[in-house]
Amino acid sequence: MTAPAPTPASTPAPPSRSVYVYGVVRASHTVPPGRTGVGERPAPVRTLRAGALAAVISDAPARLRAKRRDLLAHQDLALTLGRDGPVLPMRFGMVAPDEESVRRQLLCTQNDCLAALERVDGRVEMNLKALPTEADLGALVREDPEVSRLRTAARRAPGYEASVRLGEAVARGLKRRAAAAASTVLSELSAVADATVHGPEVEGCVLNASFLLDLRERRRFEGAVERLAAAHRDRVELRLTGPLPCYSFTEGRA
């Protein structure tokens, strides 16, 4: 007589793994083979499909720090994905508890994400920062009544306090004239862009703005920045960065 087979003990489900999310794409969008993600031991990057969307993910690293290596890896992947279609890039450090939570979020925000993908299709982000320049201080003295008055006072009664007051007035004057020039620059560049947003304040800058550009307008935009930088070089320094993933024009969609 054959003994009955033992009843297998119930096996607990394996713990869910947290995932790092790089961005959201259309479901048909593929990840280039061989790509790895962030972390000291980068895991392979893959897509997680849900309806008409897919999240670009990898296993989350055990320890995640905002190191230059990982920041660049994150941004480079977003730019690479953008060559084959629109991407809604996540900011660095987006970790979800498991794949199922990502899938649910994609399904809940599907319409908004599809609209956002359509908005950035064929477009890039360019960022412009404007800083005061100390060029042509003589013009500042002539044009700024406060600086002119304090300079005259410092010459008549030189001393530490007079020098400090003059220095502070010069700094304010440089900032004012840079801000005025940056306002003109912003107006002209916004006419070339599809959309413009102001970024957070950056220490030392009078302007931090991002522009959404059709790829076909990129050279025209860069040429306009060069022309404006030359025209206003005595008042403001312009620093252009890009092309970038469209971070500033896809946030708030999920």
C-alpha atoms as a PDB file:
ATOM      1  CA  MET A   1       0.000   0.000   0.000  1.00  0.00           C
ATOM      2  CA  THR A   2       1.424   3.292  -1.049  1.00  0.00           C
ATOM      3  CA  ALA A   3       1.774   5.943   1.625  1.00  0.00           C
ATOM      4  CA  PRO A   4      -0.008   9.223   0.861  1.00  0.00           C
ATOM      5  CA  ALA A   5       2.166  12.027  -0.391  1.00  0.00           C
ATOM      6  CA  PRO A   6       2.967  14.571   2.286  1.00  0.00           C
ATOM      7  CA  THR A   7       1.053  17.820   2.142  1.00  0.00           C
ATOM      8  CA  PRO A   8       3.498  20.617   1.265  1.00  0.00           C
ATOM      9  CA  ALA A   9       3.823  23.336   3.843  1.00  0.00           C
ATOM     10  CA  SER A  10       2.581  26.732   2.713  1.00  0.00           C
ATOM     11  CA  THR A  11       5.413  28.892   1.399  1.00  0.00           C
ATOM     12  CA  PRO A  12       5.265  32.619   2.152  1.00  0.00           C
ATOM     13  CA  ALA A  13       5.314  34.886  -0.856  1.00  0.00           C
ATOM     14  CA  PRO A  14       8.693  36.460  -1.491  1.00  0.00           C
ATOM     15  CA  PRO A  15       8.958  40.025  -0.221  1.00  0.00           C
ATOM     16  CA  SER A  16       8.209  42.685  -2.819  1.00  0.00           C
ATOM     17  CA  ARG A  17      11.187  44.594  -4.155  1.00  0.00           C
ATOM     18  CA  SER A  18      11.234  48.353  -4.349  1.00  0.00           C
ATOM     19  CA  VAL A  19      11.852  49.792  -7.785  1.00  0.00           C
ATOM     20  CA  TYR A  20      13.549  52.928  -9.007  1.00  0.00           C
ATOM     21  CA  VAL A  21      11.492  54.856 -11.572  1.00  0.00           C
ATOM     22  CA  TYR A  22      13.254  56.810 -14.325  1.00  0.00           C
ATOM     23  CA  GLY A  23      10.271  57.979 -16.311  1.00  0.00           C
ATOM     24  CA  VAL A  24       7.031  57.202 -18.093  1.00  0.00           C
ATOM     25  CA  VAL A  25       6.727  56.446 -21.809  1.00  0.00           C
ATOM     26  CA  ARG A  26       4.182  55.040 -24.207  1.00  0.00           C
ATOM     27  CA  ALA A  27       3.733  51.269 -23.977  1.00  0.00           C
ATOM     28  CA  SER A  28       5.339  50.787 -27.394  1.00  0.00           C
ATOM     29  CA  HIS A  29       8.532  52.564 -26.308  1.00  0.00           C
ATOM     30  CA  THR A  30      11.479  50.202 -25.786  1.00  0.00           C
ATOM     31  CA  VAL A  31      14.600  50.533 -23.671  1.00  0.00           C
ATOM     32  CA  PRO A  32      17.908  50.196 -25.547  1.00  0.00           C
ATOM     33  CA  PRO A  33      19.438  46.786 -24.715  1.00  0.00           C
ATOM     34  CA  GLY A  34      22.135  46.588 -22.103  1.00  0.00           C
ATOM     35  CA  ARG A  35      21.175  49.729 -20.199  1.00  0.00           C
ATOM     36  CA  THR A  36      21.713  49.748 -16.457  1.00  0.00           C
ATOM     37  CA  GLY A  37      20.467  52.145 -13.834  1.00  0.00           C
ATOM     38  CA  VAL A  38      21.726  53.968 -10.764  1.00  0.00           C
ATOM     39  CA  GLY A  39      23.561  52.736  -7.687  1.00  0.00           C
ATOM     40  CA  GLU A  40      26.923  51.183  -6.856  1.00  0.00           C
ATOM     41  CA  ARG A  41      25.782  47.959  -8.514  1.00  0.00           C
ATOM     42  CA  PRO A  42      23.419  49.179 -11.237  1.00  0.00           C
ATOM     43  CA  ALA A  43      20.570  46.815 -12.087  1.00  0.00           C
ATOM     44  CA  PRO A  44      19.288  46.299 -15.645  1.00  0.00           C
ATOM     45  CA  VAL A  45      16.692  48.807 -16.808  1.00  0.00           C
ATOM     46  CA  ARG A  46      13.342  47.456 -17.997  1.00  0.00           C
ATOM     47  CA  THR A  47       9.835  48.622 -18.826  1.00  0.00           C
ATOM     48  CA  LEU A  48       6.727  47.912 -16.785  1.00  0.00           C
ATOM     49  CA  ARG A  49       3.633  48.171 -18.979  1.00  0.00           C
ATOM     50  CA  ALA A  50       0.157  49.156 -17.826  1.00  0.00           C
ATOM     51  CA  GLY A  51      -2.477  49.982 -20.420  1.00  0.00           C
ATOM     52  CA  ALA A  52      -1.162  52.465 -22.969  1.00  0.00           C
ATOM     53  CA  LEU A  53       1.774  53.452 -20.758  1.00  0.00           C
ATOM     54  CA  ALA A  54       4.989  51.974 -19.460  1.00  0.00           C
ATOM     55  CA  ALA A  55       7.275  52.970 -16.619  1.00  0.00           C
ATOM     56  CA  VAL A  56      11.015  52.694 -17.145  1.00  0.00           C
ATOM     57  CA  ILE A  57      12.355  51.067 -13.983  1.00  0.00           C
ATOM     58  CA  SER A  58      15.108  49.028 -12.399  1.00  0.00           C
ATOM     59  CA  ASP A  59      15.488  47.338  -9.047  1.00  0.00           C
ATOM     60  CA  ALA A  60      16.150  50.085  -6.509  1.00  0.00           C
ATOM     61  CA  PRO A  61      19.688  50.148  -5.102  1.00  0.00           C
ATOM     62  CA  ALA A  62      20.087  49.308  -1.430  1.00  0.00           C
ATOM     63  CA  ARG A  63      21.688  52.684  -0.780  1.00  0.00           C
ATOM     64  CA  LEU A  64      20.910  55.621  -3.017  1.00  0.00           C
ATOM     65  CA  ARG A  65      22.871  58.835  -2.829  1.00  0.00           C
ATOM     66  CA  ALA A  66      22.880  61.844  -5.115  1.00  0.00           C
ATOM     67  CA  LYS A  67      26.375  61.213  -6.419  1.00  0.00           C
ATOM     68  CA  ARG A  68      27.484  62.779  -9.676  1.00  0.00           C
ATOM     69  CA  ARG A  69      27.808  59.330 -11.250  1.00  0.00           C
ATOM     70  CA  ASP A  70      24.196  58.444 -10.498  1.00  0.00           C
ATOM     71  CA  LEU A  71      22.788  61.875 -11.357  1.00  0.00           C
ATOM     72  CA  LEU A  72      24.451  61.649 -14.757  1.00  0.00           C
ATOM     73  CA  ALA A  73      23.291  58.052 -15.270  1.00  0.00           C
ATOM     74  CA  HIS A  74      19.707  59.081 -14.498  1.00  0.00           C
ATOM     75  CA  GLN A  75      19.758  62.053 -16.874  1.00  0.00           C
ATOM     76  CA  ASP A  76      21.610  60.198 -19.629  1.00  0.00           C
ATOM     77  CA  LEU A  77      18.957  57.477 -19.645  1.00  0.00           C
ATOM     78  CA  ALA A  78      16.182  60.075 -19.938  1.00  0.00           C
ATOM     79  CA  LEU A  79      17.959  61.736 -22.865  1.00  0.00           C
ATOM     80  CA  THR A  80      18.579  58.372 -24.555  1.00  0.00           C
ATOM     81  CA  LEU A  81      14.935  57.400 -24.213  1.00  0.00           C
ATOM     82  CA  GLY A  82      13.924  60.779 -25.623  1.00  0.00           C
ATOM     83  CA  ARG A  83      15.637  60.013 -28.937  1.00  0.00           C
ATOM     84  CA  ASP A  84      13.006  57.373 -29.702  1.00  0.00           C
ATOM     85  CA  GLY A  85       9.911  59.173 -28.469  1.00  0.00           C
ATOM     86  CA  PRO A  86       8.526  61.407 -25.728  1.00  0.00           C
ATOM     87  CA  VAL A  87       9.401  60.776 -22.077  1.00  0.00           C
ATOM     88  CA  LEU A  88       7.975  62.063 -18.836  1.00  0.00           C
ATOM     89  CA  PRO A  89      11.184  62.035 -16.798  1.00  0.00           C
ATOM     90  CA  MET A  90      11.118  61.602 -13.040  1.00  0.00           C
ATOM     91  CA  ARG A  91      13.353  63.646 -10.793  1.00  0.00           C
ATOM     92  CA  PHE A  92      16.326  61.788  -9.364  1.00  0.00           C
ATOM     93  CA  GLY A  93      15.493  59.556  -6.404  1.00  0.00           C
ATOM     94  CA  MET A  94      11.967  58.384  -7.285  1.00  0.00           C
ATOM     95  CA  VAL A  95      11.561  54.992  -5.587  1.00  0.00           C
ATOM     96  CA  ALA A  96       8.286  53.019  -5.464  1.00  0.00           C
ATOM     97  CA  PRO A  97       7.605  50.239  -2.941  1.00  0.00           C
ATOM     98  CA  ASP A  98       6.935  47.635  -5.649  1.00  0.00           C
ATOM     99  CA  GLU A  99       5.944  47.116  -9.282  1.00  0.00           C
ATOM    100  CA  GLU A 100       2.253  46.810  -8.491  1.00  0.00           C
ATOM    101  CA  SER A 101       2.096  50.293  -6.968  1.00  0.00           C
ATOM    102  CA  VAL A 102       3.724  51.693 -10.108  1.00  0.00           C
ATOM    103  CA  ARG A 103       1.249  49.824 -12.315  1.00  0.00           C
ATOM    104  CA  ARG A 104      -1.705  51.162 -10.339  1.00  0.00           C
ATOM    105  CA  GLN A 105      -0.401  54.723 -10.586  1.00  0.00           C
ATOM    106  CA  LEU A 106       0.033  54.428 -14.349  1.00  0.00           C
ATOM    107  CA  LEU A 107      -3.519  53.224 -14.784  1.00  0.00           C
ATOM    108  CA  CYS A 108      -4.922  55.955 -12.524  1.00  0.00           C
ATOM    109  CA  THR A 109      -3.114  58.752 -14.378  1.00  0.00           C
ATOM    110  CA  GLN A 110      -3.194  57.301 -17.880  1.00  0.00           C
ATOM    111  CA  ASN A 111      -5.119  60.115 -19.583  1.00  0.00           C
ATOM    112  CA  ASP A 112      -3.027  62.873 -17.984  1.00  0.00           C
ATOM    113  CA  CYS A 113       0.216  61.101 -18.843  1.00  0.00           C
ATOM    114  CA  LEU A 114      -0.789  60.517 -22.455  1.00  0.00           C
ATOM    115  CA  ALA A 115      -1.668  64.205 -22.805  1.00  0.00           C
ATOM    116  CA  ALA A 116       1.678  65.193 -21.279  1.00  0.00           C
ATOM    117  CA  LEU A 117       3.552  62.835 -23.604  1.00  0.00           C
ATOM    118  CA  GLU A 118       1.820  64.437 -26.564  1.00  0.00           C
ATOM    119  CA  ARG A 119       2.814  67.879 -25.249  1.00  0.00           C
ATOM    120  CA  VAL A 120       6.549  67.102 -25.110  1.00  0.00           C
ATOM    121  CA  ASP A 121       6.735  64.909 -28.225  1.00  0.00           C
ATOM    122  CA  GLY A 122       9.538  66.201 -30.450  1.00  0.00           C
ATOM    123  CA  ARG A 123      10.594  68.792 -27.882  1.00  0.00           C
ATOM    124  CA  VAL A 124      13.441  69.451 -25.458  1.00  0.00           C
ATOM    125  CA  GLU A 125      14.011  71.675 -22.477  1.00  0.00           C
ATOM    126  CA  MET A 126      16.640  74.417 -22.369  1.00  0.00           C
ATOM    127  CA  ASN A 127      17.520  76.211 -19.139  1.00  0.00           C
ATOM    128  CA  LEU A 128      18.825  79.759 -18.931  1.00  0.00           C
ATOM    129  CA  LYS A 129      20.382  81.433 -15.919  1.00  0.00           C
ATOM    130  CA  ALA A 130      21.243  85.131 -15.834  1.00  0.00           C
ATOM    131  CA  LEU A 131      23.816  86.618 -13.470  1.00  0.00           C
ATOM    132  CA  PRO A 132      24.947  90.187 -12.789  1.00  0.00           C
ATOM    133  CA  THR A 133      28.268  91.179 -14.312  1.00  0.00           C
ATOM    134  CA  GLU A 134      30.735  93.766 -13.024  1.00  0.00           C
ATOM    135  CA  ALA A 135      31.599  94.915 -16.520  1.00  0.00           C
ATOM    136  CA  ASP A 136      31.486  98.674 -17.149  1.00  0.00           C
ATOM    137  CA  LEU A 137      31.188  99.854 -13.539  1.00  0.00           C
ATOM    138  CA  GLY A 138      31.680 103.382 -14.823  1.00  0.00           C
ATOM    139  CA  ALA A 139      28.312 103.212 -16.549  1.00  0.00           C
ATOM    140  CA  LEU A 140      26.710 101.989 -13.341  1.00  0.00           C
ATOM    141  CA  VAL A 141      28.112 104.982 -11.444  1.00  0.00           C
ATOM    142  CA  ARG A 142      26.746 107.353 -14.071  1.00  0.00           C
ATOM    143  CA  GLU A 143      23.323 105.694 -14.338  1.00  0.00           C
ATOM    144  CA  ASP A 144      22.558 104.742 -10.729  1.00  0.00           C
ATOM    145  CA  PRO A 145      21.862 107.781  -8.480  1.00  0.00           C
ATOM    146  CA  GLU A 146      22.428 105.839  -5.236  1.00  0.00           C
ATOM    147  CA  VAL A 147      25.815 104.529  -6.344  1.00  0.00           C
ATOM    148  CA  SER A 148      26.841 107.950  -7.612  1.00  0.00           C
ATOM    149  CA  ARG A 149      25.867 109.637  -4.341  1.00  0.00           C
ATOM    150  CA  LEU A 150      27.643 107.106  -2.108  1.00  0.00           C
ATOM    151  CA  ARG A 151      30.753 107.166  -4.299  1.00  0.00           C
ATOM    152  CA  THR A 152      30.965 110.932  -3.906  1.00  0.00           C
ATOM    153  CA  ALA A 153      30.432 110.610  -0.142  1.00  0.00           C
ATOM    154  CA  ALA A 154      33.146 107.946   0.137  1.00  0.00           C
ATOM    155  CA  ARG A 155      35.605 110.174  -1.669  1.00  0.00           C
ATOM    156  CA  ARG A 156      34.853 113.118   0.604  1.00  0.00           C
ATOM    157  CA  ALA A 157      34.984 111.125   3.830  1.00  0.00           C
ATOM    158  CA  PRO A 158      36.760 107.823   3.164  1.00  0.00           C
ATOM    159  CA  GLY A 159      36.483 105.077   5.742  1.00  0.00           C
ATOM    160  CA  TYR A 160      35.369 101.512   6.386  1.00  0.00           C
ATOM    161  CA  GLU A 161      31.635 102.253   6.781  1.00  0.00           C
ATOM    162  CA  ALA A 162      31.564 104.455   3.691  1.00  0.00           C
ATOM    163  CA  SER A 163      33.271 101.691   1.668  1.00  0.00           C
ATOM    164  CA  VAL A 164      30.794  99.073   2.941  1.00  0.00           C
ATOM    165  CA  ARG A 165      27.791 101.250   2.055  1.00  0.00           C
ATOM    166  CA  LEU A 166      29.218 101.906  -1.404  1.00  0.00           C
ATOM    167  CA  GLY A 167      29.930  98.208  -1.970  1.00  0.00           C
ATOM    168  CA  GLU A 168      26.406  97.227  -0.974  1.00  0.00           C
ATOM    169  CA  ALA A 169      24.930  99.891  -3.249  1.00  0.00           C
ATOM    170  CA  VAL A 170      27.066  98.675  -6.150  1.00  0.00           C
ATOM    171  CA  ALA A 171      25.865  95.097  -5.581  1.00  0.00           C
ATOM    172  CA  ARG A 172      22.248  96.248  -5.579  1.00  0.00           C
ATOM    173  CA  GLY A 173      22.818  98.329  -8.695  1.00  0.00           C
ATOM    174  CA  LEU A 174      24.455  95.443 -10.543  1.00  0.00           C
ATOM    175  CA  LYS A 175      21.528  93.217  -9.636  1.00  0.00           C
ATOM    176  CA  ARG A 176      18.962  95.809 -10.763  1.00  0.00           C
ATOM    177  CA  ARG A 177      20.526  96.402 -14.158  1.00  0.00           C
ATOM    178  CA  ALA A 178      21.037  92.639 -14.676  1.00  0.00           C
ATOM    179  CA  ALA A 179      17.380  91.993 -13.830  1.00  0.00           C
ATOM    180  CA  ALA A 180      16.260  94.650 -16.308  1.00  0.00           C
ATOM    181  CA  ALA A 181      18.386  93.111 -19.066  1.00  0.00           C
ATOM    182  CA  ALA A 182      17.206  89.609 -18.155  1.00  0.00           C
ATOM    183  CA  SER A 183      13.591  90.738 -18.477  1.00  0.00           C
ATOM    184  CA  THR A 184      14.265  91.798 -22.060  1.00  0.00           C
ATOM    185  CA  VAL A 185      16.054  88.532 -22.773  1.00  0.00           C
ATOM    186  CA  LEU A 186      13.204  86.495 -21.312  1.00  0.00           C
ATOM    187  CA  SER A 187      10.639  88.272 -23.451  1.00  0.00           C
ATOM    188  CA  GLU A 188      12.538  87.684 -26.692  1.00  0.00           C
ATOM    189  CA  LEU A 189      13.348  84.037 -25.987  1.00  0.00           C
ATOM    190  CA  SER A 190       9.811  83.216 -24.878  1.00  0.00           C
ATOM    191  CA  ALA A 191       8.634  84.232 -28.344  1.00  0.00           C
ATOM    192  CA  VAL A 192      10.738  81.390 -29.802  1.00  0.00           C
ATOM    193  CA  ALA A 193       9.699  78.749 -27.269  1.00  0.00           C
ATOM    194  CA  ASP A 194       6.492  76.745 -27.033  1.00  0.00           C
ATOM    195  CA  ALA A 195       6.337  77.404 -23.285  1.00  0.00           C
ATOM    196  CA  THR A 196       8.368  79.074 -20.540  1.00  0.00           C
ATOM    197  CA  VAL A 197       8.464  78.454 -16.799  1.00  0.00           C
ATOM    198  CA  HIS A 198      10.381  80.125 -13.996  1.00  0.00           C
ATOM    199  CA  GLY A 199      12.487  77.787 -11.895  1.00  0.00           C
ATOM    200  CA  PRO A 200      13.336  78.154  -8.211  1.00  0.00           C
ATOM    201  CA  GLU A 201      15.525  81.045  -7.145  1.00  0.00           C
ATOM    202  CA  VAL A 202      19.238  80.349  -7.520  1.00  0.00           C
ATOM    203  CA  GLU A 203      21.709  82.226  -5.363  1.00  0.00           C
ATOM    204  CA  GLY A 204      23.553  84.823  -7.400  1.00  0.00           C
ATOM    205  CA  CYS A 205      21.127  84.673 -10.331  1.00  0.00           C
ATOM    206  CA  VAL A 206      18.499  87.217 -11.357  1.00  0.00           C
ATOM    207  CA  LEU A 207      16.759  84.732 -13.667  1.00  0.00           C
ATOM    208  CA  ASN A 208      16.328  80.961 -13.756  1.00  0.00           C
ATOM    209  CA  ALA A 209      13.963  79.995 -16.558  1.00  0.00           C
ATOM    210  CA  SER A 210      13.304  76.892 -18.623  1.00  0.00           C
ATOM    211  CA  PHE A 211      12.014  76.844 -22.186  1.00  0.00           C
ATOM    212  CA  LEU A 212      10.153  74.091 -24.017  1.00  0.00           C
ATOM    213  CA  LEU A 213      11.425  73.988 -27.585  1.00  0.00           C
ATOM    214  CA  ASP A 214      10.501  72.183 -30.744  1.00  0.00           C
ATOM    215  CA  LEU A 215      13.680  70.361 -31.805  1.00  0.00           C
ATOM    216  CA  ARG A 216      13.550  72.218 -35.103  1.00  0.00           C
ATOM    217  CA  GLU A 217      13.816  75.534 -33.245  1.00  0.00           C
ATOM    218  CA  ARG A 218      16.834  74.616 -31.135  1.00  0.00           C
ATOM    219  CA  ARG A 219      19.479  76.234 -33.348  1.00  0.00           C
ATOM    220  CA  ARG A 220      17.390  79.357 -33.757  1.00  0.00           C
ATOM    221  CA  PHE A 221      16.994  79.562 -29.985  1.00  0.00           C
ATOM    222  CA  GLU A 222      20.711  79.067 -29.330  1.00  0.00           C
ATOM    223  CA  GLY A 223      21.506  81.733 -31.907  1.00  0.00           C
ATOM    224  CA  ALA A 224      19.123  84.131 -30.171  1.00  0.00           C
ATOM    225  CA  VAL A 225      20.822  83.476 -26.825  1.00  0.00           C
ATOM    226  CA  GLU A 226      24.245  84.193 -28.344  1.00  0.00           C
ATOM    227  CA  ARG A 227      22.979  87.429 -29.880  1.00  0.00           C
ATOM    228  CA  LEU A 228      21.343  88.588 -26.650  1.00  0.00           C
ATOM    229  CA  ALA A 229      24.387  87.641 -24.571  1.00  0.00           C
ATOM    230  CA  ALA A 230      26.560  89.837 -26.786  1.00  0.00           C
ATOM    231  CA  ALA A 231      24.064  92.701 -26.794  1.00  0.00           C
ATOM    232  CA  HIS A 232      23.778  92.761 -22.993  1.00  0.00           C
ATOM    233  CA  ARG A 233      27.272  91.600 -21.996  1.00  0.00           C
ATOM    234  CA  ASP A 234      27.912  94.808 -20.035  1.00  0.00           C
ATOM    235  CA  ARG A 235      24.854  94.171 -17.861  1.00  0.00           C
ATOM    236  CA  VAL A 236      24.228  90.456 -17.544  1.00  0.00           C
ATOM    237  CA  GLU A 237      25.915  87.096 -18.076  1.00  0.00           C
ATOM    238  CA  LEU A 238      23.778  84.386 -19.687  1.00  0.00           C
ATOM    239  CA  ARG A 239      24.394  80.682 -19.075  1.00  0.00           C
ATOM    240  CA  LEU A 240      22.497  78.231 -21.264  1.00  0.00           C
ATOM    241  CA  THR A 241      22.196  74.524 -20.417  1.00  0.00           C
ATOM    242  CA  GLY A 242      20.647  71.829 -22.582  1.00  0.00           C
ATOM    243  CA  PRO A 243      19.140  70.041 -24.258  1.00  0.00           C
ATOM    244  CA  LEU A 244      17.618  68.522 -21.124  1.00  0.00           C
ATOM    245  CA  PRO A 245      14.812  66.063 -20.457  1.00  0.00           C
ATOM    246  CA  CYS A 246      11.543  67.986 -20.145  1.00  0.00           C
ATOM    247  CA  TYR A 247      11.434  67.969 -16.339  1.00  0.00           C
ATOM    248  CA  SER A 248       9.883  71.410 -15.990  1.00  0.00           C
ATOM    249  CA  PHE A 249       6.993  70.760 -18.374  1.00  0.00           C
ATOM    250  CA  THR A 250       5.796  67.322 -17.263  1.00  0.00           C
ATOM    251  CA  GLU A 251       5.634  67.625 -13.470  1.00  0.00           C
ATOM    252  CA  GLY A 252       2.371  67.321 -11.658  1.00  0.00           C
ATOM    253  CA  ARG A 253       0.947  64.762 -14.086  1.00  0.00           C
ATOM    254  CA  ALA A 254       0.824  61.913 -11.499  1.00  0.00           C
END
